């Protein structure tokens, strides 16, 4: 049995967010919602792991071992948690998926990217700095209300809406689609996941 475990490919899926009740149910914490939903679906419990700066859980899916991580540092120090988890579990960088909010995408849309700049996202910036690389996959979840202008003189900055409370039904809908995309990435790989989900947007 132990021999079989060693043969499993390891993947790390990270949901970005901030600890604290004041950040719950806000667009900036949508990454946490997705990871928590995956854990619930797999009937596993995310537990605080102090040496790794976050709450973690893991499950097997086919021939893969999937580690879930919620960094419990604040957003701008997410890199500490991601770097330590990759090292602890010996997960190759190509098998990392970061789930994040994206204030440039319209609410409800998602895109899967790879080897991209942080785009102003403090959590992603921290990860890139800690890993000294941006060569990892990201699942970007749109949080910009369609009514708020983007670009030009009437542009509404992200800080105006990223900490607003979100209705439960929206969270459930976006988490459902994001979970499907994460599972598809695990099973079919980055290229197919990008083709399928980016085309939908």
C-alpha atoms as a PDB file:
ATOM      1  CA  UNK A   1       0.000   0.000   0.000  1.00  0.00           C
ATOM      2  CA  UNK A   2       2.817   2.378   0.859  1.00  0.00           C
ATOM      3  CA  UNK A   3       4.449   1.561  -2.458  1.00  0.00           C
ATOM      4  CA  UNK A   4       1.273   2.561  -4.302  1.00  0.00           C
ATOM      5  CA  UNK A   5       1.153   5.859  -2.417  1.00  0.00           C
ATOM      6  CA  UNK A   6       4.649   6.741  -3.574  1.00  0.00           C
ATOM      7  CA  UNK A   7       3.572   6.321  -7.191  1.00  0.00           C
ATOM      8  CA  UNK A   8       0.806   8.895  -6.950  1.00  0.00           C
ATOM      9  CA  UNK A   9       1.432  12.183  -8.742  1.00  0.00           C
ATOM     10  CA  UNK A  10       1.135  15.088  -6.326  1.00  0.00           C
ATOM     11  CA  UNK A  11      -0.811  18.259  -7.018  1.00  0.00           C
ATOM     12  CA  UNK A  12      -1.305  21.371  -4.889  1.00  0.00           C
ATOM     13  CA  UNK A  13      -4.396  23.559  -5.230  1.00  0.00           C
ATOM     14  CA  UNK A  14      -4.261  26.845  -3.323  1.00  0.00           C
ATOM     15  CA  UNK A  15      -7.168  29.184  -2.634  1.00  0.00           C
ATOM     16  CA  UNK A  16      -6.181  32.796  -1.963  1.00  0.00           C
ATOM     17  CA  UNK A  17      -7.928  34.856   0.699  1.00  0.00           C
ATOM     18  CA  UNK A  18      -7.584  36.698   3.985  1.00  0.00           C
ATOM     19  CA  UNK A  19      -8.212  35.285   7.478  1.00  0.00           C
ATOM     20  CA  UNK A  20     -10.785  36.962   9.705  1.00  0.00           C
ATOM     21  CA  UNK A  21     -14.581  37.306   9.808  1.00  0.00           C
ATOM     22  CA  UNK A  22     -14.459  40.712   8.146  1.00  0.00           C
ATOM     23  CA  UNK A  23     -13.226  39.075   4.934  1.00  0.00           C
ATOM     24  CA  UNK A  24     -15.711  36.203   4.828  1.00  0.00           C
ATOM     25  CA  UNK A  25     -18.208  36.238   1.957  1.00  0.00           C
ATOM     26  CA  UNK A  26     -16.303  38.946   0.085  1.00  0.00           C
ATOM     27  CA  UNK A  27     -15.075  38.730  -3.534  1.00  0.00           C
ATOM     28  CA  UNK A  28     -11.437  38.847  -2.415  1.00  0.00           C
ATOM     29  CA  UNK A  29     -11.904  35.514  -0.601  1.00  0.00           C
ATOM     30  CA  UNK A  30     -13.521  33.559  -3.409  1.00  0.00           C
ATOM     31  CA  UNK A  31     -10.437  31.321  -3.630  1.00  0.00           C
ATOM     32  CA  UNK A  32     -11.087  30.189  -0.065  1.00  0.00           C
ATOM     33  CA  UNK A  33     -14.695  29.375  -0.931  1.00  0.00           C
ATOM     34  CA  UNK A  34     -13.632  27.102  -3.791  1.00  0.00           C
ATOM     35  CA  UNK A  35     -11.098  25.174  -1.699  1.00  0.00           C
ATOM     36  CA  UNK A  36     -13.514  24.821   1.206  1.00  0.00           C
ATOM     37  CA  UNK A  37     -16.187  23.488  -1.160  1.00  0.00           C
ATOM     38  CA  UNK A  38     -13.794  20.931  -2.656  1.00  0.00           C
ATOM     39  CA  UNK A  39     -12.872  19.779   0.860  1.00  0.00           C
ATOM     40  CA  UNK A  40     -16.538  19.447   1.777  1.00  0.00           C
ATOM     41  CA  UNK A  41     -17.276  17.506  -1.392  1.00  0.00           C
ATOM     42  CA  UNK A  42     -14.389  15.131  -0.614  1.00  0.00           C
ATOM     43  CA  UNK A  43     -15.526  14.812   3.016  1.00  0.00           C
ATOM     44  CA  UNK A  44     -12.158  15.962   4.367  1.00  0.00           C
ATOM     45  CA  UNK A  45     -11.305  18.621   6.952  1.00  0.00           C
ATOM     46  CA  UNK A  46      -8.920  21.507   6.403  1.00  0.00           C
ATOM     47  CA  UNK A  47      -6.694  21.767   9.465  1.00  0.00           C
ATOM     48  CA  UNK A  48      -4.253  24.426  10.573  1.00  0.00           C
ATOM     49  CA  UNK A  49      -0.645  23.388   9.983  1.00  0.00           C
ATOM     50  CA  UNK A  50       1.486  26.031  11.673  1.00  0.00           C
ATOM     51  CA  UNK A  51       4.858  25.146  10.102  1.00  0.00           C
ATOM     52  CA  UNK A  52       3.202  25.490   6.682  1.00  0.00           C
ATOM     53  CA  UNK A  53       1.369  28.791   7.299  1.00  0.00           C
ATOM     54  CA  UNK A  54      -2.045  27.484   6.378  1.00  0.00           C
ATOM     55  CA  UNK A  55      -4.935  25.061   6.654  1.00  0.00           C
ATOM     56  CA  UNK A  56      -4.420  21.871   4.655  1.00  0.00           C
ATOM     57  CA  UNK A  57      -6.142  18.643   3.676  1.00  0.00           C
ATOM     58  CA  UNK A  58      -5.508  15.999   1.043  1.00  0.00           C
ATOM     59  CA  UNK A  59      -7.338  13.330  -0.919  1.00  0.00           C
ATOM     60  CA  UNK A  60      -6.632  10.825  -3.663  1.00  0.00           C
ATOM     61  CA  UNK A  61      -8.285  11.147  -7.074  1.00  0.00           C
ATOM     62  CA  UNK A  62      -7.422   8.330  -9.447  1.00  0.00           C
ATOM     63  CA  UNK A  63      -3.652   8.165  -9.665  1.00  0.00           C
ATOM     64  CA  UNK A  64      -3.152  11.586  -8.120  1.00  0.00           C
ATOM     65  CA  UNK A  65      -2.741  12.856  -4.573  1.00  0.00           C
ATOM     66  CA  UNK A  66      -4.318  16.285  -4.240  1.00  0.00           C
ATOM     67  CA  UNK A  67      -3.271  18.669  -1.478  1.00  0.00           C
ATOM     68  CA  UNK A  68      -5.573  21.604  -0.686  1.00  0.00           C
ATOM     69  CA  UNK A  69      -4.195  24.742   0.937  1.00  0.00           C
ATOM     70  CA  UNK A  70      -5.751  27.856   2.460  1.00  0.00           C
ATOM     71  CA  UNK A  71      -2.934  30.236   3.397  1.00  0.00           C
ATOM     72  CA  UNK A  72      -3.627  31.753   6.829  1.00  0.00           C
ATOM     73  CA  UNK A  73      -1.138  34.532   6.286  1.00  0.00           C
ATOM     74  CA  UNK A  74      -2.696  37.694   4.955  1.00  0.00           C
ATOM     75  CA  UNK A  75      -3.018  37.920   1.188  1.00  0.00           C
ATOM     76  CA  UNK A  76       0.239  39.789   0.617  1.00  0.00           C
ATOM     77  CA  UNK A  77       2.228  37.018   2.316  1.00  0.00           C
ATOM     78  CA  UNK A  78       0.613  34.058   0.540  1.00  0.00           C
ATOM     79  CA  UNK A  79       3.968  33.093  -0.934  1.00  0.00           C
ATOM     80  CA  UNK A  80       5.199  31.885   2.465  1.00  0.00           C
ATOM     81  CA  UNK A  81       2.462  29.266   2.623  1.00  0.00           C
ATOM     82  CA  UNK A  82       2.735  28.169  -1.001  1.00  0.00           C
ATOM     83  CA  UNK A  83       6.517  27.818  -0.961  1.00  0.00           C
ATOM     84  CA  UNK A  84       6.520  25.837   2.278  1.00  0.00           C
ATOM     85  CA  UNK A  85       3.729  23.521   1.085  1.00  0.00           C
ATOM     86  CA  UNK A  86       5.420  22.775  -2.249  1.00  0.00           C
ATOM     87  CA  UNK A  87       8.630  21.901  -0.396  1.00  0.00           C
ATOM     88  CA  UNK A  88       6.957  19.899   2.383  1.00  0.00           C
ATOM     89  CA  UNK A  89       4.870  17.740   0.051  1.00  0.00           C
ATOM     90  CA  UNK A  90       7.488  17.646  -2.731  1.00  0.00           C
ATOM     91  CA  UNK A  91       5.062  18.941  -5.360  1.00  0.00           C
ATOM     92  CA  UNK A  92       6.626  20.073  -8.662  1.00  0.00           C
ATOM     93  CA  UNK A  93       5.839  23.648  -9.685  1.00  0.00           C
ATOM     94  CA  UNK A  94       4.060  22.468 -12.837  1.00  0.00           C
ATOM     95  CA  UNK A  95       1.493  20.748 -10.576  1.00  0.00           C
ATOM     96  CA  UNK A  96       0.487  23.922  -8.721  1.00  0.00           C
ATOM     97  CA  UNK A  97      -2.875  25.614  -9.299  1.00  0.00           C
ATOM     98  CA  UNK A  98      -3.635  28.945  -7.610  1.00  0.00           C
ATOM     99  CA  UNK A  99      -7.324  29.903  -7.353  1.00  0.00           C
ATOM    100  CA  UNK A 100      -7.754  33.681  -7.109  1.00  0.00           C
ATOM    101  CA  UNK A 101     -10.198  36.515  -7.542  1.00  0.00           C
ATOM    102  CA  UNK A 102      -9.704  38.752 -10.586  1.00  0.00           C
ATOM    103  CA  UNK A 103     -11.090  42.286 -10.520  1.00  0.00           C
ATOM    104  CA  UNK A 104     -10.559  42.702 -14.270  1.00  0.00           C
ATOM    105  CA  UNK A 105     -12.926  39.863 -15.196  1.00  0.00           C
ATOM    106  CA  UNK A 106     -16.694  40.307 -15.139  1.00  0.00           C
ATOM    107  CA  UNK A 107     -18.488  38.681 -12.201  1.00  0.00           C
ATOM    108  CA  UNK A 108     -18.956  34.961 -12.787  1.00  0.00           C
ATOM    109  CA  UNK A 109     -16.431  34.544 -15.579  1.00  0.00           C
ATOM    110  CA  UNK A 110     -13.273  32.505 -15.179  1.00  0.00           C
ATOM    111  CA  UNK A 111     -10.039  31.956 -17.036  1.00  0.00           C
ATOM    112  CA  UNK A 112      -7.177  29.520 -16.652  1.00  0.00           C
ATOM    113  CA  UNK A 113      -3.703  30.888 -17.282  1.00  0.00           C
ATOM    114  CA  UNK A 114      -0.065  29.887 -17.002  1.00  0.00           C
ATOM    115  CA  UNK A 115       3.199  31.808 -16.668  1.00  0.00           C
ATOM    116  CA  UNK A 116       1.452  35.165 -16.344  1.00  0.00           C
ATOM    117  CA  UNK A 117       2.313  38.306 -14.386  1.00  0.00           C
ATOM    118  CA  UNK A 118       0.472  39.032 -11.140  1.00  0.00           C
ATOM    119  CA  UNK A 119      -1.650  41.717 -12.767  1.00  0.00           C
ATOM    120  CA  UNK A 120      -1.629  43.746  -9.566  1.00  0.00           C
ATOM    121  CA  UNK A 121      -2.933  40.921  -7.358  1.00  0.00           C
ATOM    122  CA  UNK A 122      -0.993  41.107  -4.075  1.00  0.00           C
ATOM    123  CA  UNK A 123      -1.405  37.417  -3.271  1.00  0.00           C
ATOM    124  CA  UNK A 124      -0.090  36.310  -6.637  1.00  0.00           C
ATOM    125  CA  UNK A 125       2.750  38.843  -6.420  1.00  0.00           C
ATOM    126  CA  UNK A 126       3.796  37.291  -3.116  1.00  0.00           C
ATOM    127  CA  UNK A 127       3.776  33.792  -4.609  1.00  0.00           C
ATOM    128  CA  UNK A 128       5.831  34.828  -7.643  1.00  0.00           C
ATOM    129  CA  UNK A 129       8.384  36.539  -5.399  1.00  0.00           C
ATOM    130  CA  UNK A 130       8.619  33.565  -3.021  1.00  0.00           C
ATOM    131  CA  UNK A 131       8.986  30.996  -5.817  1.00  0.00           C
ATOM    132  CA  UNK A 132      11.108  33.270  -8.024  1.00  0.00           C
ATOM    133  CA  UNK A 133       8.949  32.066 -10.887  1.00  0.00           C
ATOM    134  CA  UNK A 134       5.530  32.663 -12.424  1.00  0.00           C
ATOM    135  CA  UNK A 135       5.512  29.308 -14.220  1.00  0.00           C
ATOM    136  CA  UNK A 136       2.447  27.861 -12.535  1.00  0.00           C
ATOM    137  CA  UNK A 137      -1.250  27.591 -13.378  1.00  0.00           C
ATOM    138  CA  UNK A 138      -3.854  30.045 -12.153  1.00  0.00           C
ATOM    139  CA  UNK A 139      -7.626  29.836 -12.051  1.00  0.00           C
ATOM    140  CA  UNK A 140      -8.836  33.431 -12.173  1.00  0.00           C
ATOM    141  CA  UNK A 141     -12.407  34.072 -11.038  1.00  0.00           C
ATOM    142  CA  UNK A 142     -14.119  37.264 -12.168  1.00  0.00           C
ATOM    143  CA  UNK A 143     -15.524  39.485  -9.422  1.00  0.00           C
ATOM    144  CA  UNK A 144     -16.174  42.821 -11.192  1.00  0.00           C
ATOM    145  CA  UNK A 145     -19.896  43.675 -11.259  1.00  0.00           C
ATOM    146  CA  UNK A 146     -21.013  44.217 -14.837  1.00  0.00           C
ATOM    147  CA  UNK A 147     -22.431  47.622 -13.910  1.00  0.00           C
ATOM    148  CA  UNK A 148     -19.025  48.989 -12.874  1.00  0.00           C
ATOM    149  CA  UNK A 149     -16.989  50.544 -15.714  1.00  0.00           C
ATOM    150  CA  UNK A 150     -13.524  49.233 -16.451  1.00  0.00           C
ATOM    151  CA  UNK A 151     -10.906  51.397 -18.114  1.00  0.00           C
ATOM    152  CA  UNK A 152     -11.221  54.985 -19.252  1.00  0.00           C
ATOM    153  CA  UNK A 153     -12.194  58.022 -17.187  1.00  0.00           C
ATOM    154  CA  UNK A 154     -15.059  56.228 -15.400  1.00  0.00           C
ATOM    155  CA  UNK A 155     -12.947  53.240 -14.333  1.00  0.00           C
ATOM    156  CA  UNK A 156     -13.898  51.921 -10.877  1.00  0.00           C
ATOM    157  CA  UNK A 157     -10.903  50.666  -8.901  1.00  0.00           C
ATOM    158  CA  UNK A 158     -10.927  47.189  -7.390  1.00  0.00           C
ATOM    159  CA  UNK A 159     -10.726  48.417  -3.798  1.00  0.00           C
ATOM    160  CA  UNK A 160     -14.218  49.864  -4.244  1.00  0.00           C
ATOM    161  CA  UNK A 161     -15.833  46.424  -4.482  1.00  0.00           C
ATOM    162  CA  UNK A 162     -13.464  43.557  -3.531  1.00  0.00           C
ATOM    163  CA  UNK A 163     -14.517  43.670   0.123  1.00  0.00           C
ATOM    164  CA  UNK A 164     -18.270  43.972  -0.435  1.00  0.00           C
ATOM    165  CA  UNK A 165     -20.389  41.083   0.825  1.00  0.00           C
ATOM    166  CA  UNK A 166     -21.554  38.632  -1.816  1.00  0.00           C
ATOM    167  CA  UNK A 167     -24.901  36.797  -1.889  1.00  0.00           C
ATOM    168  CA  UNK A 168     -24.677  33.074  -1.053  1.00  0.00           C
ATOM    169  CA  UNK A 169     -26.188  32.006  -4.372  1.00  0.00           C
ATOM    170  CA  UNK A 170     -23.431  33.785  -6.322  1.00  0.00           C
ATOM    171  CA  UNK A 171     -20.737  32.148  -4.240  1.00  0.00           C
ATOM    172  CA  UNK A 172     -22.248  28.710  -4.788  1.00  0.00           C
ATOM    173  CA  UNK A 173     -22.577  29.221  -8.548  1.00  0.00           C
ATOM    174  CA  UNK A 174     -19.021  30.466  -9.139  1.00  0.00           C
ATOM    175  CA  UNK A 175     -17.568  27.857  -6.768  1.00  0.00           C
ATOM    176  CA  UNK A 176     -19.394  25.095  -8.655  1.00  0.00           C
ATOM    177  CA  UNK A 177     -17.924  26.148 -12.008  1.00  0.00           C
ATOM    178  CA  UNK A 178     -14.483  26.728 -10.486  1.00  0.00           C
ATOM    179  CA  UNK A 179     -14.506  23.265  -8.896  1.00  0.00           C
ATOM    180  CA  UNK A 180     -15.363  21.698 -12.238  1.00  0.00           C
ATOM    181  CA  UNK A 181     -12.467  23.571 -13.867  1.00  0.00           C
ATOM    182  CA  UNK A 182     -10.030  22.508 -11.126  1.00  0.00           C
ATOM    183  CA  UNK A 183     -11.021  18.859 -11.464  1.00  0.00           C
ATOM    184  CA  UNK A 184     -10.725  19.086 -15.241  1.00  0.00           C
ATOM    185  CA  UNK A 185      -7.216  20.550 -14.870  1.00  0.00           C
ATOM    186  CA  UNK A 186      -6.296  17.611 -12.629  1.00  0.00           C
ATOM    187  CA  UNK A 187      -7.679  14.989 -14.984  1.00  0.00           C
ATOM    188  CA  UNK A 188      -6.990  16.398 -18.440  1.00  0.00           C
ATOM    189  CA  UNK A 189      -4.063  18.780 -17.946  1.00  0.00           C
ATOM    190  CA  UNK A 190      -3.474  22.485 -18.405  1.00  0.00           C
ATOM    191  CA  UNK A 191      -3.775  22.689 -22.195  1.00  0.00           C
ATOM    192  CA  UNK A 192      -7.183  21.038 -22.411  1.00  0.00           C
ATOM    193  CA  UNK A 193      -8.457  22.971 -19.400  1.00  0.00           C
ATOM    194  CA  UNK A 194      -7.463  26.285 -20.994  1.00  0.00           C
ATOM    195  CA  UNK A 195      -9.088  25.329 -24.296  1.00  0.00           C
ATOM    196  CA  UNK A 196     -12.326  24.281 -22.663  1.00  0.00           C
ATOM    197  CA  UNK A 197     -12.856  27.005 -20.077  1.00  0.00           C
ATOM    198  CA  UNK A 198     -11.214  29.999 -21.723  1.00  0.00           C
ATOM    199  CA  UNK A 199     -13.266  29.400 -24.864  1.00  0.00           C
ATOM    200  CA  UNK A 200     -16.465  29.606 -22.792  1.00  0.00           C
ATOM    201  CA  UNK A 201     -15.565  33.138 -21.755  1.00  0.00           C
END
